[in-house]
Protein backbone atom coordinates (compact mmCIF):
# COMPACT_ATOMS: atom_id res chain seq x y z
CA MET A 1 76.20 -36.58 10.93
CA GLY A 2 79.75 -37.18 9.74
CA ILE A 3 78.48 -37.60 6.19
CA LEU A 4 76.97 -34.13 6.20
CA HIS A 5 80.23 -32.46 7.30
CA ARG A 6 82.71 -33.54 4.65
CA PHE A 7 85.27 -31.14 3.30
CA ARG A 8 86.11 -30.27 -0.27
CA THR A 9 89.75 -29.42 -0.94
CA LYS A 10 91.33 -27.75 -3.91
CA SER A 11 94.34 -29.50 -5.33
CA ALA A 12 97.60 -27.78 -4.46
CA PRO A 13 99.91 -26.58 -7.27
CA SER A 14 102.47 -29.18 -8.20
CA ALA A 15 105.46 -26.85 -8.60
CA GLU A 16 106.71 -24.75 -5.73
CA THR A 17 108.69 -21.54 -6.09
CA THR A 18 112.06 -21.66 -4.44
CA GLU A 19 114.31 -18.77 -3.54
CA ALA A 20 116.70 -19.81 -6.32
CA ASP A 21 113.96 -19.05 -8.87
CA VAL A 22 113.64 -15.43 -7.68
CA PRO A 23 116.12 -12.94 -9.20
CA GLN A 24 118.38 -11.12 -6.72
CA GLY A 25 117.07 -7.86 -5.38
CA GLU A 26 113.43 -8.89 -5.74
CA SER A 27 111.31 -10.01 -2.86
CA SER A 28 110.18 -13.60 -2.70
CA PRO A 29 106.62 -14.16 -3.97
CA THR A 30 103.94 -15.53 -1.71
CA PRO A 31 104.20 -19.27 -1.26
CA ALA A 32 102.45 -21.24 -3.97
CA VAL A 33 101.34 -23.93 -1.57
CA ARG A 34 98.89 -22.94 1.13
CA SER A 35 98.03 -24.84 4.26
CA SER A 36 95.29 -27.42 3.96
CA ALA A 37 93.08 -25.33 6.28
CA GLU A 38 93.12 -22.49 3.76
CA ASN A 39 92.39 -24.82 0.83
CA SER A 40 89.45 -26.56 2.47
CA ARG A 41 86.05 -25.18 3.13
CA PRO A 42 83.13 -27.00 4.74
CA VAL A 43 80.25 -28.07 2.57
CA PRO A 44 77.20 -26.23 3.92
CA VAL A 45 74.45 -28.26 5.54
CA THR A 46 71.20 -27.47 3.76
CA ARG A 47 67.60 -28.25 4.60
CA THR A 48 67.49 -30.53 1.58
CA SER A 49 70.46 -32.59 2.77
CA VAL A 50 68.94 -32.93 6.24
CA ALA A 51 65.58 -33.91 4.72
CA TRP A 52 67.32 -36.47 2.48
CA ALA A 53 69.04 -38.04 5.49
CA GLY A 54 65.75 -38.03 7.40
CA VAL A 55 63.88 -39.75 4.58
CA TRP A 56 66.53 -42.47 4.41
CA ALA A 57 66.41 -42.98 8.18
CA ALA A 58 62.61 -43.18 8.10
CA ALA A 59 62.73 -45.67 5.22
CA LEU A 60 65.16 -47.92 7.09
CA VAL A 61 63.10 -47.78 10.29
CA SER A 62 59.93 -48.53 8.29
CA VAL A 63 61.49 -51.59 6.65
CA ALA A 64 62.69 -52.86 10.05
CA PHE A 65 59.22 -52.24 11.49
CA ILE A 66 57.50 -54.13 8.67
CA VAL A 67 59.84 -57.10 9.17
CA PHE A 68 59.12 -56.99 12.91
CA MET A 69 55.35 -56.99 12.32
CA LEU A 70 55.54 -59.88 9.87
CA GLN A 71 57.63 -61.99 12.27
CA ASN A 72 55.39 -61.39 15.32
CA THR A 73 51.94 -62.44 14.22
CA THR A 74 51.36 -64.86 17.12
CA VAL A 75 48.04 -64.21 18.86
CA THR A 76 48.52 -63.04 22.46
CA GLN A 77 46.13 -62.77 25.40
CA VAL A 78 46.01 -59.15 26.63
CA SER A 79 44.39 -57.82 29.82
CA PHE A 80 44.21 -54.12 30.68
CA LEU A 81 42.03 -52.44 33.32
CA GLY A 82 39.60 -55.31 33.47
CA LEU A 83 39.38 -55.67 29.70
CA HIS A 84 40.46 -58.98 28.19
CA GLY A 85 41.10 -59.89 24.60
CA THR A 86 43.43 -61.44 22.07
CA LEU A 87 45.38 -59.74 19.33
CA PRO A 88 48.63 -60.27 17.44
CA LEU A 89 51.79 -59.60 19.46
CA ALA A 90 53.03 -56.98 16.97
CA VAL A 91 49.76 -55.03 17.25
CA ALA A 92 49.91 -55.12 21.06
CA MET A 93 53.49 -53.83 20.97
CA LEU A 94 52.53 -51.17 18.41
CA ILE A 95 49.75 -49.93 20.70
CA ALA A 96 52.17 -49.82 23.64
CA MET A 97 54.76 -47.92 21.57
CA ILE A 98 52.25 -45.35 20.32
CA SER A 99 50.92 -44.87 23.86
CA GLY A 100 54.46 -44.21 25.09
CA ILE A 101 55.12 -41.76 22.27
CA LEU A 102 51.88 -39.87 23.00
CA LEU A 103 52.66 -39.69 26.71
CA THR A 104 56.15 -38.35 25.95
CA LEU A 105 54.72 -35.75 23.54
CA VAL A 106 52.14 -34.56 26.08
CA LEU A 107 54.72 -34.22 28.87
CA GLY A 108 57.28 -32.60 26.54
CA THR A 109 54.71 -30.09 25.28
CA ALA A 110 53.74 -29.19 28.84
CA ARG A 111 57.41 -28.63 29.77
CA ILE A 112 58.14 -26.54 26.66
CA THR A 113 55.05 -24.41 27.34
CA GLN A 114 56.16 -23.94 30.95
CA LEU A 115 59.66 -22.83 29.86
CA ARG A 116 58.28 -20.42 27.23
CA ARG A 117 56.02 -18.76 29.81
CA LEU A 118 58.94 -18.40 32.20
CA ALA A 119 61.14 -16.88 29.48
CA SER A 120 58.34 -14.51 28.47
CA ARG A 121 57.89 -13.34 32.08
CA ARG A 122 61.64 -12.74 32.45
CA ARG A 123 61.74 -10.73 29.21
CA ARG A 124 58.86 -8.53 30.43
CA GLN A 125 60.58 -7.99 33.81
CA ASN A 126 63.86 -6.94 32.18
CA ARG A 127 62.26 -4.20 30.03
């Protein structure tokens, strides 16, 4: 996320005011050059910039996945729970990956639901 948190800086004035430039009896003006922290401000992270980064990441992963599928077309013997069959290695790995993702989503959803119920109960008790 370093790309999303760059800083813009204003250019500092080239000439500085010295005490010799100020007539006697007058107070010195505020310094013309400010610290770099005052001149810089963070560029805000917007939903559009996050979406843009996400689309690029998804595109790169998709290209890598397509290359993987094209390079792993060898037919493989697969056995699962008494079922036997053959299918391309990439398809077998894709099925395994999707199964893992679905299992993770189911368990994560159960945990999030559990935590929300607990938080809701605690809010009701504290009223």
